[in-house]
């Protein structure tokens, strides 16, 4: 087990969740996409939004794919700012 596995298991126990139902790779992929293509602080907020959507019944893989696609299409200038409209 890795430290991440240990953390997920402990956090799930604290929240009464089943760690086998946590799509760790999908969450990390979405967080990476947002952090690198939108902005770093958006990664944890987006992970939270993904969790809310899944908690309300969204398919985890489909929601993660939609968020990654949104991040990939996000307009960013070379200096990291959003272009003026």
N, C-alpha and C. Protein backbone atom coordinates (compact mmCIF):
# COMPACT_ATOMS: atom_id res chain seq x y z
N UNK A 1 0.83 -1.20 0.00
CA UNK A 1 0.00 0.00 0.00
C UNK A 1 0.87 1.25 0.00
N UNK A 2 0.34 2.29 -0.61
CA UNK A 2 1.03 3.58 -0.62
C UNK A 2 0.44 4.46 0.47
N UNK A 3 1.08 5.58 0.70
CA UNK A 3 0.55 6.55 1.65
C UNK A 3 -0.83 7.03 1.19
N UNK A 4 -0.98 7.21 -0.13
CA UNK A 4 -2.28 7.63 -0.66
C UNK A 4 -3.34 6.58 -0.37
N UNK A 5 -3.01 5.33 -0.59
CA UNK A 5 -3.97 4.25 -0.28
C UNK A 5 -4.35 4.27 1.20
N UNK A 6 -3.34 4.44 2.05
CA UNK A 6 -3.60 4.51 3.49
C UNK A 6 -4.51 5.68 3.83
N UNK A 7 -4.23 6.83 3.20
CA UNK A 7 -5.03 8.03 3.46
C UNK A 7 -6.48 7.83 3.01
N UNK A 8 -6.67 7.32 1.80
CA UNK A 8 -8.02 7.10 1.28
C UNK A 8 -8.78 6.14 2.18
N UNK A 9 -8.12 5.08 2.61
CA UNK A 9 -8.76 4.12 3.49
C UNK A 9 -9.16 4.77 4.81
N UNK A 10 -8.27 5.56 5.40
CA UNK A 10 -8.57 6.23 6.66
C UNK A 10 -9.66 7.28 6.50
N UNK A 11 -9.58 8.06 5.43
CA UNK A 11 -10.60 9.10 5.19
C UNK A 11 -11.97 8.46 4.95
N UNK A 12 -11.99 7.37 4.22
CA UNK A 12 -13.26 6.67 3.98
C UNK A 12 -13.83 6.12 5.27
N UNK A 13 -12.98 5.59 6.12
CA UNK A 13 -13.45 5.09 7.41
C UNK A 13 -14.05 6.23 8.23
N UNK A 14 -13.39 7.38 8.19
CA UNK A 14 -13.88 8.54 8.93
C UNK A 14 -15.24 9.00 8.43
N UNK A 15 -15.47 8.88 7.12
CA UNK A 15 -16.71 9.35 6.50
C UNK A 15 -17.72 8.23 6.24
N UNK A 16 -17.42 7.04 6.71
CA UNK A 16 -18.28 5.88 6.53
C UNK A 16 -18.53 5.59 5.05
N UNK A 17 -17.45 5.58 4.28
CA UNK A 17 -17.52 5.28 2.85
C UNK A 17 -16.72 4.02 2.56
N UNK A 18 -17.02 3.40 1.43
CA UNK A 18 -16.29 2.21 1.00
C UNK A 18 -15.13 2.65 0.10
N UNK A 19 -13.89 2.43 0.52
CA UNK A 19 -12.75 2.87 -0.28
C UNK A 19 -12.66 2.21 -1.65
N UNK A 20 -13.28 1.07 -1.83
CA UNK A 20 -13.25 0.42 -3.14
C UNK A 20 -14.13 1.16 -4.15
N UNK A 21 -14.96 2.05 -3.67
CA UNK A 21 -15.83 2.83 -4.57
C UNK A 21 -15.26 4.20 -4.91
N UNK A 22 -14.03 4.46 -4.48
CA UNK A 22 -13.40 5.75 -4.74
C UNK A 22 -12.53 5.64 -5.99
N UNK A 23 -12.89 6.37 -7.06
CA UNK A 23 -12.11 6.31 -8.30
C UNK A 23 -10.89 7.24 -8.22
N UNK A 24 -9.91 6.82 -7.44
CA UNK A 24 -8.74 7.67 -7.16
C UNK A 24 -8.09 8.16 -8.44
N UNK A 25 -7.85 7.29 -9.39
CA UNK A 25 -7.18 7.70 -10.63
C UNK A 25 -7.97 8.77 -11.38
N UNK A 26 -9.28 8.62 -11.45
CA UNK A 26 -10.11 9.61 -12.14
C UNK A 26 -10.05 10.97 -11.45
N UNK A 27 -10.12 10.95 -10.13
CA UNK A 27 -10.06 12.21 -9.38
C UNK A 27 -8.71 12.88 -9.58
N UNK A 28 -7.63 12.10 -9.52
CA UNK A 28 -6.30 12.66 -9.72
C UNK A 28 -6.12 13.19 -11.14
N UNK A 29 -6.68 12.50 -12.12
CA UNK A 29 -6.58 12.96 -13.50
C UNK A 29 -7.29 14.30 -13.69
N UNK A 30 -8.50 14.41 -13.14
CA UNK A 30 -9.25 15.66 -13.25
C UNK A 30 -8.49 16.78 -12.54
N UNK A 31 -8.00 16.51 -11.34
CA UNK A 31 -7.26 17.53 -10.58
C UNK A 31 -6.02 17.98 -11.36
N UNK A 32 -5.31 17.04 -11.97
CA UNK A 32 -4.13 17.38 -12.77
C UNK A 32 -4.52 18.27 -13.95
N UNK A 33 -5.59 17.88 -14.66
CA UNK A 33 -6.01 18.64 -15.83
C UNK A 33 -6.38 20.06 -15.46
N UNK A 34 -7.13 20.21 -14.38
CA UNK A 34 -7.54 21.55 -13.95
C UNK A 34 -6.32 22.35 -13.47
N UNK A 35 -5.47 21.73 -12.67
CA UNK A 35 -4.30 22.43 -12.14
C UNK A 35 -3.38 22.91 -13.25
N UNK A 36 -3.22 22.12 -14.30
CA UNK A 36 -2.28 22.48 -15.36
C UNK A 36 -2.90 23.31 -16.46
N UNK A 37 -4.21 23.20 -16.68
CA UNK A 37 -4.81 23.87 -17.81
C UNK A 37 -5.73 25.03 -17.43
N UNK A 38 -6.10 25.11 -16.16
CA UNK A 38 -6.95 26.22 -15.71
C UNK A 38 -6.18 27.01 -14.66
N UNK A 39 -6.13 26.51 -13.43
CA UNK A 39 -5.31 27.10 -12.38
C UNK A 39 -5.24 26.12 -11.22
N UNK A 40 -4.13 26.17 -10.50
CA UNK A 40 -3.87 25.20 -9.44
C UNK A 40 -4.95 25.18 -8.36
N UNK A 41 -5.39 26.33 -7.84
CA UNK A 41 -6.42 26.27 -6.79
C UNK A 41 -7.75 25.69 -7.27
N UNK A 42 -7.94 25.64 -8.57
CA UNK A 42 -9.17 25.05 -9.10
C UNK A 42 -9.23 23.54 -8.94
N UNK A 43 -8.08 22.90 -8.76
CA UNK A 43 -8.04 21.44 -8.68
C UNK A 43 -8.83 20.89 -7.49
N UNK A 44 -8.57 21.34 -6.25
CA UNK A 44 -9.35 20.79 -5.14
C UNK A 44 -10.82 21.19 -5.19
N UNK A 45 -11.10 22.38 -5.69
CA UNK A 45 -12.49 22.80 -5.80
C UNK A 45 -13.23 21.92 -6.82
N UNK A 46 -12.57 21.63 -7.92
CA UNK A 46 -13.16 20.79 -8.94
C UNK A 46 -13.35 19.36 -8.42
N UNK A 47 -12.40 18.86 -7.65
CA UNK A 47 -12.55 17.52 -7.05
C UNK A 47 -13.77 17.50 -6.13
N UNK A 48 -13.96 18.58 -5.39
CA UNK A 48 -15.15 18.67 -4.54
C UNK A 48 -16.42 18.67 -5.39
N UNK A 49 -16.43 19.47 -6.45
CA UNK A 49 -17.60 19.53 -7.33
C UNK A 49 -17.89 18.17 -7.96
N UNK A 50 -16.84 17.45 -8.34
CA UNK A 50 -17.02 16.10 -8.86
C UNK A 50 -17.69 15.22 -7.81
N UNK A 51 -17.24 15.32 -6.58
CA UNK A 51 -17.85 14.53 -5.50
C UNK A 51 -19.31 14.88 -5.27
N UNK A 52 -19.62 16.17 -5.33
CA UNK A 52 -21.02 16.58 -5.16
C UNK A 52 -21.87 16.00 -6.30
N UNK A 53 -21.37 16.09 -7.52
CA UNK A 53 -22.12 15.57 -8.66
C UNK A 53 -22.34 14.06 -8.53
N UNK A 54 -21.30 13.34 -8.14
CA UNK A 54 -21.42 11.89 -7.98
C UNK A 54 -22.38 11.57 -6.83
N UNK A 55 -22.31 12.35 -5.76
CA UNK A 55 -23.22 12.16 -4.64
C UNK A 55 -24.67 12.38 -5.03
N UNK A 56 -24.88 13.17 -6.06
CA UNK A 56 -26.24 13.43 -6.54
C UNK A 56 -26.64 12.49 -7.67
N UNK A 57 -25.78 11.49 -7.94
CA UNK A 57 -26.16 10.47 -8.89
C UNK A 57 -25.43 10.45 -10.21
N UNK A 58 -24.52 11.39 -10.44
CA UNK A 58 -23.78 11.38 -11.71
C UNK A 58 -22.85 10.18 -11.77
N UNK A 59 -22.64 9.68 -12.97
CA UNK A 59 -21.68 8.60 -13.18
C UNK A 59 -20.27 9.18 -12.97
N UNK A 60 -19.46 8.58 -12.09
CA UNK A 60 -18.14 9.13 -11.79
C UNK A 60 -17.24 9.28 -13.02
N UNK A 61 -17.18 8.26 -13.86
CA UNK A 61 -16.31 8.31 -15.03
C UNK A 61 -16.78 9.37 -16.03
N UNK A 62 -18.07 9.45 -16.25
CA UNK A 62 -18.61 10.42 -17.20
C UNK A 62 -18.42 11.84 -16.69
N UNK A 63 -18.66 12.07 -15.41
CA UNK A 63 -18.48 13.41 -14.84
C UNK A 63 -17.02 13.82 -14.90
N UNK A 64 -16.11 12.89 -14.59
CA UNK A 64 -14.68 13.20 -14.64
C UNK A 64 -14.26 13.52 -16.07
N UNK A 65 -14.76 12.77 -17.03
CA UNK A 65 -14.42 13.02 -18.43
C UNK A 65 -14.92 14.38 -18.88
N UNK A 66 -16.12 14.75 -18.46
CA UNK A 66 -16.66 16.06 -18.84
C UNK A 66 -15.83 17.19 -18.26
N UNK A 67 -15.42 17.04 -16.99
CA UNK A 67 -14.61 18.08 -16.36
C UNK A 67 -13.22 18.17 -17.00
N UNK A 68 -12.63 17.03 -17.32
CA UNK A 68 -11.32 17.04 -17.99
C UNK A 68 -11.42 17.71 -19.36
N UNK A 69 -12.50 17.41 -20.08
CA UNK A 69 -12.70 18.04 -21.39
C UNK A 69 -12.88 19.54 -21.25
N UNK A 70 -13.63 19.96 -20.24
CA UNK A 70 -13.82 21.39 -20.00
C UNK A 70 -12.48 22.06 -19.70
N UNK A 71 -11.69 21.42 -18.85
CA UNK A 71 -10.36 21.98 -18.52
C UNK A 71 -9.49 22.06 -19.77
N UNK A 72 -9.57 21.03 -20.62
CA UNK A 72 -8.76 21.01 -21.83
C UNK A 72 -9.15 22.08 -22.83
N UNK A 73 -10.39 22.53 -22.78
CA UNK A 73 -10.84 23.55 -23.71
C UNK A 73 -10.80 24.95 -23.10
N UNK A 74 -10.34 25.06 -21.85
CA UNK A 74 -10.33 26.34 -21.16
C UNK A 74 -9.34 27.29 -21.82
N UNK A 75 -9.76 28.52 -22.17
CA UNK A 75 -8.85 29.45 -22.84
C UNK A 75 -7.85 30.06 -21.86
N UNK A 76 -6.57 29.88 -22.17
CA UNK A 76 -5.51 30.42 -21.32
C UNK A 76 -4.45 31.04 -22.21
N UNK A 77 -4.00 32.22 -21.82
CA UNK A 77 -2.92 32.88 -22.52
C UNK A 77 -1.59 32.26 -22.12
N UNK A 78 -0.54 32.55 -22.82
CA UNK A 78 0.78 32.01 -22.50
C UNK A 78 1.25 32.41 -21.10
N UNK A 79 0.80 33.56 -20.61
CA UNK A 79 1.22 34.00 -19.28
C UNK A 79 0.32 33.42 -18.18
N UNK A 80 -0.61 32.55 -18.56
CA UNK A 80 -1.48 31.90 -17.58
C UNK A 80 -2.76 32.62 -17.27
N UNK A 81 -3.00 33.76 -17.93
CA UNK A 81 -4.22 34.51 -17.67
C UNK A 81 -5.30 34.14 -18.69
N UNK A 82 -6.53 34.41 -18.34
CA UNK A 82 -7.65 34.19 -19.26
C UNK A 82 -7.69 35.36 -20.22
N UNK A 83 -7.86 35.09 -21.53
CA UNK A 83 -7.91 36.17 -22.49
C UNK A 83 -9.07 37.13 -22.24
N UNK A 84 -8.83 38.41 -22.50
CA UNK A 84 -9.88 39.42 -22.35
C UNK A 84 -10.90 39.24 -23.47
N UNK A 85 -12.15 39.49 -23.14
CA UNK A 85 -13.21 39.36 -24.16
C UNK A 85 -13.56 40.70 -24.72
